[in-house]
Amino acid sequence: VERLAEPAIVARPPLDAASLAAELRRVHGPDDDRWIARILPIPATPGRSTAIRTALAEGLPTDELDTEVLRHCRERGLYRSP
């Protein structure tokens, strides 16, 4: 899977990018920076993917997504109910 689509990592509260990097180094070792290089340099946000997917599936509004991301999901029917 990693060869087809390189994973991206986004910090979620209570961690920010720096504390997430420190935790990854603690877990994977100080010389293993392959995951740290995948942390996106964006502010940590409290968005919850399960809640967002549920709202999209139920056709409910969600202000946790960027408007372009929301448009993309709706145009392609992503996460809609069967």
N, C-alpha and C. Protein backbone atom coordinates (compact mmCIF):
# COMPACT_ATOMS: atom_id res chain seq x y z
N VAL A 1 0.83 -1.19 0.00
CA VAL A 1 0.00 0.00 0.00
C VAL A 1 0.87 1.25 0.00
N GLU A 2 1.94 1.24 0.77
CA GLU A 2 2.80 2.43 0.84
C GLU A 2 3.41 2.78 -0.50
N ARG A 3 3.63 1.80 -1.35
CA ARG A 3 4.20 2.10 -2.68
C ARG A 3 3.16 2.77 -3.58
N LEU A 4 1.89 2.46 -3.37
CA LEU A 4 0.84 3.01 -4.20
C LEU A 4 0.39 4.40 -3.75
N ALA A 5 0.34 4.60 -2.46
CA ALA A 5 -0.10 5.89 -1.91
C ALA A 5 0.59 6.11 -0.58
N GLU A 6 1.50 7.05 -0.57
CA GLU A 6 2.25 7.33 0.65
C GLU A 6 1.32 7.90 1.72
N PRO A 7 1.30 7.28 2.90
CA PRO A 7 0.42 7.79 3.96
C PRO A 7 0.83 9.18 4.43
N ALA A 8 -0.14 9.94 4.85
CA ALA A 8 0.10 11.24 5.47
C ALA A 8 -0.40 11.16 6.91
N ILE A 9 0.25 11.88 7.79
CA ILE A 9 -0.11 11.86 9.20
C ILE A 9 -0.49 13.28 9.61
N VAL A 10 -1.62 13.40 10.29
CA VAL A 10 -2.09 14.69 10.79
C VAL A 10 -2.23 14.57 12.30
N ALA A 11 -1.67 15.53 13.00
CA ALA A 11 -1.78 15.55 14.47
C ALA A 11 -3.22 15.86 14.88
N ARG A 12 -3.64 15.23 15.95
CA ARG A 12 -4.96 15.49 16.53
C ARG A 12 -4.75 15.83 18.00
N PRO A 13 -5.55 16.77 18.52
CA PRO A 13 -5.42 17.12 19.93
C PRO A 13 -5.55 15.87 20.81
N PRO A 14 -4.78 15.76 21.84
CA PRO A 14 -3.99 16.81 22.48
C PRO A 14 -2.59 16.98 21.90
N LEU A 15 -2.23 16.22 20.86
CA LEU A 15 -0.88 16.32 20.30
C LEU A 15 -0.83 17.39 19.21
N ASP A 16 0.31 18.08 19.12
CA ASP A 16 0.59 18.92 17.96
C ASP A 16 1.66 18.19 17.16
N ALA A 17 2.10 18.77 16.06
CA ALA A 17 3.07 18.08 15.19
C ALA A 17 4.36 17.74 15.93
N ALA A 18 4.85 18.65 16.78
CA ALA A 18 6.11 18.40 17.50
C ALA A 18 5.96 17.28 18.51
N SER A 19 4.87 17.27 19.27
CA SER A 19 4.70 16.21 20.26
C SER A 19 4.38 14.87 19.59
N LEU A 20 3.70 14.91 18.44
CA LEU A 20 3.46 13.68 17.68
C LEU A 20 4.78 13.11 17.18
N ALA A 21 5.66 13.97 16.67
CA ALA A 21 6.98 13.51 16.21
C ALA A 21 7.76 12.89 17.36
N ALA A 22 7.71 13.52 18.54
CA ALA A 22 8.41 12.97 19.71
C ALA A 22 7.85 11.60 20.08
N GLU A 23 6.54 11.45 20.02
CA GLU A 23 5.93 10.15 20.33
C GLU A 23 6.31 9.09 19.31
N LEU A 24 6.33 9.46 18.05
CA LEU A 24 6.75 8.51 17.01
C LEU A 24 8.20 8.08 17.20
N ARG A 25 9.06 9.02 17.58
CA ARG A 25 10.46 8.66 17.84
C ARG A 25 10.57 7.73 19.05
N ARG A 26 9.71 7.97 20.06
CA ARG A 26 9.72 7.12 21.24
C ARG A 26 9.29 5.69 20.87
N VAL A 27 8.27 5.58 20.06
CA VAL A 27 7.73 4.27 19.68
C VAL A 27 8.62 3.56 18.67
N HIS A 28 9.09 4.27 17.65
CA HIS A 28 9.82 3.65 16.54
C HIS A 28 11.33 3.76 16.66
N GLY A 29 11.81 4.53 17.62
CA GLY A 29 13.25 4.71 17.78
C GLY A 29 13.70 6.02 17.18
N PRO A 30 14.77 6.58 17.75
CA PRO A 30 15.22 7.91 17.33
C PRO A 30 15.78 7.97 15.92
N ASP A 31 16.14 6.85 15.34
CA ASP A 31 16.72 6.86 13.99
C ASP A 31 15.71 6.53 12.90
N ASP A 32 14.47 6.32 13.26
CA ASP A 32 13.45 5.94 12.29
C ASP A 32 12.56 7.15 12.00
N ASP A 33 12.96 7.97 11.04
CA ASP A 33 12.22 9.19 10.71
C ASP A 33 11.25 9.02 9.55
N ARG A 34 11.05 7.78 9.09
CA ARG A 34 10.17 7.60 7.93
C ARG A 34 8.74 8.06 8.20
N TRP A 35 8.25 7.90 9.44
CA TRP A 35 6.90 8.35 9.77
C TRP A 35 6.87 9.84 10.05
N ILE A 36 7.90 10.35 10.66
CA ILE A 36 7.95 11.78 10.99
C ILE A 36 7.93 12.62 9.73
N ALA A 37 8.57 12.14 8.68
CA ALA A 37 8.58 12.86 7.41
C ALA A 37 7.18 12.95 6.79
N ARG A 38 6.25 12.12 7.27
CA ARG A 38 4.90 12.10 6.71
C ARG A 38 3.91 12.96 7.49
N ILE A 39 4.38 13.61 8.57
CA ILE A 39 3.49 14.49 9.33
C ILE A 39 3.25 15.76 8.51
N LEU A 40 2.00 16.06 8.26
CA LEU A 40 1.68 17.27 7.49
C LEU A 40 1.85 18.50 8.38
N PRO A 41 2.47 19.54 7.84
CA PRO A 41 2.73 20.75 8.64
C PRO A 41 1.50 21.66 8.72
N ILE A 42 0.45 21.13 9.31
CA ILE A 42 -0.77 21.91 9.48
C ILE A 42 -1.16 21.90 10.95
N PRO A 43 -1.93 22.87 11.40
CA PRO A 43 -2.33 22.90 12.81
C PRO A 43 -3.18 21.69 13.18
N ALA A 44 -3.02 21.23 14.40
CA ALA A 44 -3.85 20.12 14.89
C ALA A 44 -5.30 20.59 14.96
N THR A 45 -6.20 19.75 14.50
CA THR A 45 -7.62 20.08 14.52
C THR A 45 -8.38 18.98 15.25
N PRO A 46 -9.49 19.33 15.87
CA PRO A 46 -10.23 18.32 16.64
C PRO A 46 -11.16 17.46 15.80
N GLY A 47 -11.10 17.54 14.48
CA GLY A 47 -12.00 16.77 13.63
C GLY A 47 -11.95 15.28 13.92
N ARG A 48 -13.09 14.66 13.88
CA ARG A 48 -13.18 13.22 14.13
C ARG A 48 -13.67 12.57 12.85
N SER A 49 -12.88 11.69 12.29
CA SER A 49 -13.22 11.12 11.00
C SER A 49 -14.52 10.31 11.05
N THR A 50 -14.76 9.58 12.13
CA THR A 50 -15.99 8.79 12.21
C THR A 50 -17.22 9.69 12.20
N ALA A 51 -17.18 10.77 12.95
CA ALA A 51 -18.32 11.70 13.00
C ALA A 51 -18.53 12.36 11.64
N ILE A 52 -17.44 12.71 10.98
CA ILE A 52 -17.54 13.34 9.66
C ILE A 52 -18.14 12.37 8.65
N ARG A 53 -17.65 11.13 8.63
CA ARG A 53 -18.19 10.13 7.69
C ARG A 53 -19.67 9.86 7.96
N THR A 54 -20.05 9.81 9.24
CA THR A 54 -21.45 9.58 9.59
C THR A 54 -22.32 10.73 9.10
N ALA A 55 -21.87 11.96 9.33
CA ALA A 55 -22.63 13.12 8.86
C ALA A 55 -22.79 13.10 7.34
N LEU A 56 -21.72 12.78 6.64
CA LEU A 56 -21.80 12.71 5.17
C LEU A 56 -22.75 11.61 4.73
N ALA A 57 -22.70 10.46 5.39
CA ALA A 57 -23.57 9.35 5.02
C ALA A 57 -25.03 9.68 5.24
N GLU A 58 -25.31 10.49 6.26
CA GLU A 58 -26.69 10.86 6.58
C GLU A 58 -27.14 12.15 5.88
N GLY A 59 -26.25 12.72 5.07
CA GLY A 59 -26.59 13.94 4.35
C GLY A 59 -26.64 15.17 5.24
N LEU A 60 -26.04 15.09 6.40
CA LEU A 60 -26.05 16.20 7.34
C LEU A 60 -24.91 17.16 7.05
N PRO A 61 -25.08 18.42 7.41
CA PRO A 61 -23.98 19.38 7.20
C PRO A 61 -22.83 19.11 8.17
N THR A 62 -21.64 19.42 7.74
CA THR A 62 -20.47 19.33 8.63
C THR A 62 -19.58 20.52 8.34
N ASP A 63 -19.23 21.26 9.36
CA ASP A 63 -18.33 22.39 9.17
C ASP A 63 -16.89 22.02 9.50
N GLU A 64 -16.65 20.72 9.71
CA GLU A 64 -15.30 20.27 10.03
C GLU A 64 -14.45 20.00 8.78
N LEU A 65 -15.06 20.09 7.61
CA LEU A 65 -14.33 19.85 6.36
C LEU A 65 -14.18 21.15 5.59
N ASP A 66 -13.06 21.27 4.92
CA ASP A 66 -12.85 22.36 3.98
C ASP A 66 -13.95 22.27 2.91
N THR A 67 -14.43 23.40 2.45
CA THR A 67 -15.54 23.39 1.49
C THR A 67 -15.21 22.62 0.21
N GLU A 68 -13.97 22.69 -0.25
CA GLU A 68 -13.59 21.95 -1.46
C GLU A 68 -13.56 20.45 -1.20
N VAL A 69 -13.13 20.03 -0.02
CA VAL A 69 -13.13 18.61 0.32
C VAL A 69 -14.57 18.11 0.42
N LEU A 70 -15.42 18.89 1.05
CA LEU A 70 -16.83 18.53 1.16
C LEU A 70 -17.47 18.41 -0.22
N ARG A 71 -17.20 19.37 -1.08
CA ARG A 71 -17.73 19.32 -2.46
C ARG A 71 -17.27 18.07 -3.18
N HIS A 72 -15.98 17.75 -3.06
CA HIS A 72 -15.42 16.56 -3.69
C HIS A 72 -16.13 15.29 -3.20
N CYS A 73 -16.32 15.18 -1.90
CA CYS A 73 -16.99 14.01 -1.33
C CYS A 73 -18.42 13.89 -1.84
N ARG A 74 -19.13 15.00 -1.87
CA ARG A 74 -20.53 14.96 -2.30
C ARG A 74 -20.64 14.68 -3.80
N GLU A 75 -19.78 15.29 -4.62
CA GLU A 75 -19.83 15.06 -6.07
C GLU A 75 -19.56 13.60 -6.42
N ARG A 76 -18.72 12.95 -5.67
CA ARG A 76 -18.35 11.58 -5.97
C ARG A 76 -19.11 10.55 -5.13
N GLY A 77 -20.02 11.04 -4.31
CA GLY A 77 -20.84 10.13 -3.50
C GLY A 77 -20.05 9.38 -2.44
N LEU A 78 -18.97 9.98 -1.98
CA LEU A 78 -18.15 9.33 -0.97
C LEU A 78 -18.87 9.32 0.37
N TYR A 79 -18.82 8.20 1.05
CA TYR A 79 -19.37 8.01 2.41
C TYR A 79 -20.90 8.10 2.46
N ARG A 80 -21.57 8.02 1.33
CA ARG A 80 -23.02 8.08 1.37
C ARG A 80 -23.58 6.74 1.88
N SER A 81 -24.81 6.78 2.35
CA SER A 81 -25.47 5.56 2.82
C SER A 81 -25.80 4.68 1.64
N PRO A 82 -25.75 3.37 1.83
CA PRO A 82 -26.09 2.46 0.73
C PRO A 82 -27.55 2.52 0.35
